[in-house]
Amino acid sequence: MQYLKFLIRKKSIIALSFFICAFAGCSKAGDSPAPTPPTPPPVVVTEADIVFKVDVAGSEVNYNTVFPVVGTSLILNANITSTLPKDGVTVDVTVKKKLDNTTVFTTNLSSSAASNPITVTGLTAGVLCVATVTVTSKSKATNTSIKTFELAAK
């Protein structure tokens, strides 16, 4: 009988040891380190294409006809009608004689405004010129718009 008690005790110890090892091998979900969250993609801000018109005395110039200028100077306005880029724009104005392509006037303006008045000087009566107005985003150099028109002083 002693032997039977010994066998039952031995089997109980083996069974108990098995359960202890089985449960000790399991772990809670909170025991492992939290996974590293993925790095979010960079935020890309899209910029509206630059749209503008050239105004003289509140009216847009006709880009298909010669604009008549009274005197030797002209105040034009590069009026940006699209959403302004976050860093602003540069406005470049160049006026050249149509006959020989020599430069009559040039200027470069840095701006964060929609309205950009520029006084063109140096015009000569009877000389046909070509004005080129270029507006370029400071934050995205490929975002640019160009307007060209002819003008002549009387």
Protein backbone atom coordinates (compact mmCIF):
# COMPACT_ATOMS: atom_id res chain seq x y z
CA MET A 1 0.00 0.00 0.00
CA GLN A 2 2.89 2.26 0.70
CA TYR A 3 4.05 1.66 -2.77
CA LEU A 4 0.65 2.69 -4.20
CA LYS A 5 0.69 5.94 -2.22
CA PHE A 6 4.20 6.59 -3.47
CA LEU A 7 3.11 6.07 -7.09
CA ILE A 8 0.07 8.38 -6.71
CA ARG A 9 2.24 11.03 -5.07
CA LYS A 10 4.87 10.66 -7.82
CA LYS A 11 2.21 10.95 -10.58
CA SER A 12 0.71 13.99 -8.83
CA ILE A 13 4.12 15.65 -8.62
CA ILE A 14 4.78 14.93 -12.30
CA ALA A 15 1.34 16.26 -13.30
CA LEU A 16 1.78 19.33 -11.11
CA SER A 17 5.25 19.95 -12.58
CA PHE A 18 3.81 19.66 -16.08
CA PHE A 19 1.09 22.27 -15.39
CA ILE A 20 3.58 24.64 -13.76
CA CYS A 21 5.93 24.41 -16.76
CA ALA A 22 3.04 24.81 -19.20
CA PHE A 23 1.69 27.94 -17.50
CA ALA A 24 5.13 29.41 -16.89
CA GLY A 25 5.84 29.26 -20.63
CA CYS A 26 2.76 31.36 -21.42
CA SER A 27 2.99 35.08 -21.12
CA LYS A 28 0.51 37.91 -21.04
CA ALA A 29 0.11 40.16 -24.06
CA GLY A 30 1.38 43.11 -22.04
CA ASP A 31 4.70 41.40 -21.28
CA SER A 32 6.13 41.91 -24.78
CA PRO A 33 7.32 45.38 -25.83
CA ALA A 34 4.87 47.50 -27.82
CA PRO A 35 5.55 47.49 -31.56
CA THR A 36 7.11 50.62 -32.97
CA PRO A 37 4.48 52.59 -34.92
CA PRO A 38 5.31 53.12 -38.59
CA THR A 39 6.73 56.48 -39.58
CA PRO A 40 3.96 58.53 -41.20
CA PRO A 41 4.63 59.68 -44.76
CA PRO A 42 5.77 63.29 -45.16
CA VAL A 43 3.00 65.84 -45.57
CA VAL A 44 2.96 67.18 -49.11
CA VAL A 45 1.28 70.53 -49.51
CA THR A 46 -0.01 71.04 -53.00
CA GLU A 47 0.31 74.54 -54.34
CA ALA A 48 -2.23 76.11 -56.69
CA ASP A 49 -0.91 76.99 -60.14
CA ILE A 50 -0.17 80.69 -60.41
CA VAL A 51 -2.78 82.61 -62.34
CA PHE A 52 -2.52 86.37 -62.85
CA LYS A 53 -3.51 89.17 -65.18
CA VAL A 54 -1.77 92.38 -66.16
CA ASP A 55 -3.93 95.42 -65.42
CA VAL A 56 -3.41 99.01 -66.50
CA ALA A 57 -5.68 101.59 -64.86
CA GLY A 58 -7.94 98.81 -63.54
CA SER A 59 -8.49 97.02 -66.86
CA GLU A 60 -6.75 93.91 -68.11
CA VAL A 61 -4.55 94.52 -71.14
CA ASN A 62 -5.44 92.84 -74.41
CA TYR A 63 -2.53 90.46 -74.98
CA ASN A 64 -3.30 90.29 -78.72
CA THR A 65 -3.09 93.99 -79.62
CA VAL A 66 -0.57 96.80 -79.17
CA PHE A 67 -1.24 98.68 -75.92
CA PRO A 68 -0.97 102.46 -76.45
CA VAL A 69 1.04 104.32 -73.81
CA VAL A 70 0.64 108.07 -73.35
CA GLY A 71 4.05 109.43 -72.34
CA THR A 72 7.27 107.59 -71.58
CA SER A 73 6.12 105.56 -68.57
CA LEU A 74 3.36 103.13 -67.68
CA ILE A 75 2.03 101.84 -64.35
CA LEU A 76 1.00 98.22 -64.70
CA ASN A 77 -0.23 95.82 -62.07
CA ALA A 78 0.56 92.11 -61.93
CA ASN A 79 -2.69 91.06 -60.26
CA ILE A 80 -2.47 87.49 -58.93
CA THR A 81 -5.91 85.87 -59.01
CA SER A 82 -4.94 82.40 -57.76
CA THR A 83 -4.14 81.46 -54.18
CA LEU A 84 -0.78 82.97 -53.24
CA PRO A 85 2.04 80.49 -52.53
CA LYS A 86 2.97 80.24 -48.84
CA ASP A 87 6.41 81.83 -49.35
CA GLY A 88 5.22 84.51 -51.78
CA VAL A 89 6.25 85.19 -55.36
CA THR A 90 8.76 87.04 -57.49
CA VAL A 91 7.46 89.27 -60.25
CA ASP A 92 9.87 89.89 -63.13
CA VAL A 93 9.06 92.53 -65.74
CA THR A 94 11.17 92.99 -68.86
CA VAL A 95 10.41 95.41 -71.71
CA LYS A 96 12.43 95.05 -74.92
CA LYS A 97 12.36 96.85 -78.26
CA LYS A 98 10.72 94.57 -80.80
CA LEU A 99 13.02 95.75 -83.61
CA ASP A 100 16.38 94.74 -82.10
CA ASN A 101 15.49 93.00 -78.80
CA THR A 102 17.44 95.51 -76.69
CA THR A 103 16.26 95.92 -73.13
CA VAL A 104 14.38 99.13 -72.35
CA PHE A 105 13.30 98.29 -68.80
CA THR A 106 13.69 95.45 -66.32
CA THR A 107 12.77 94.93 -62.67
CA ASN A 108 12.38 92.15 -60.15
CA LEU A 109 9.91 92.38 -57.27
CA SER A 110 9.54 90.06 -54.26
CA SER A 111 5.96 89.99 -52.98
CA SER A 112 3.40 88.30 -50.76
CA ALA A 113 0.50 90.38 -52.10
CA ALA A 114 -2.05 89.76 -54.82
CA SER A 115 -1.66 93.27 -56.25
CA ASN A 116 1.81 94.19 -57.53
CA PRO A 117 2.03 97.64 -59.14
CA ILE A 118 5.13 98.33 -61.25
CA THR A 119 6.10 101.56 -63.02
CA VAL A 120 7.70 100.89 -66.38
CA THR A 121 9.97 103.75 -67.47
CA GLY A 122 12.26 104.53 -70.40
CA LEU A 123 9.73 104.16 -73.19
CA THR A 124 10.35 106.14 -76.40
CA ALA A 125 7.56 107.57 -78.57
CA GLY A 126 6.95 105.55 -81.71
CA VAL A 127 9.04 102.54 -80.62
CA LEU A 128 7.21 99.20 -80.50
CA CYS A 129 8.16 97.14 -77.44
CA VAL A 130 7.33 93.74 -75.99
CA ALA A 131 6.62 93.48 -72.27
CA THR A 132 7.05 90.13 -70.53
CA VAL A 133 5.67 89.70 -67.01
CA THR A 134 6.70 86.52 -65.19
CA VAL A 135 5.32 85.49 -61.80
CA THR A 136 7.17 82.64 -60.03
CA SER A 137 6.46 80.93 -56.71
CA LYS A 138 9.24 81.22 -54.12
CA SER A 139 8.33 77.86 -52.58
CA LYS A 140 8.06 75.90 -55.86
CA ALA A 141 10.26 77.23 -58.66
CA THR A 142 8.43 75.20 -61.32
CA ASN A 143 5.18 77.02 -60.50
CA THR A 144 5.42 79.97 -62.88
CA SER A 145 3.18 81.92 -65.23
CA ILE A 146 4.11 84.31 -68.05
CA LYS A 147 2.14 87.04 -69.84
CA THR A 148 3.46 88.91 -72.89
CA PHE A 149 2.02 91.91 -74.73
CA GLU A 150 3.16 94.65 -77.08
CA LEU A 151 3.14 98.34 -76.18
CA ALA A 152 4.14 101.57 -77.83
CA ALA A 153 4.49 105.10 -76.46
CA LYS A 154 2.75 107.92 -78.37
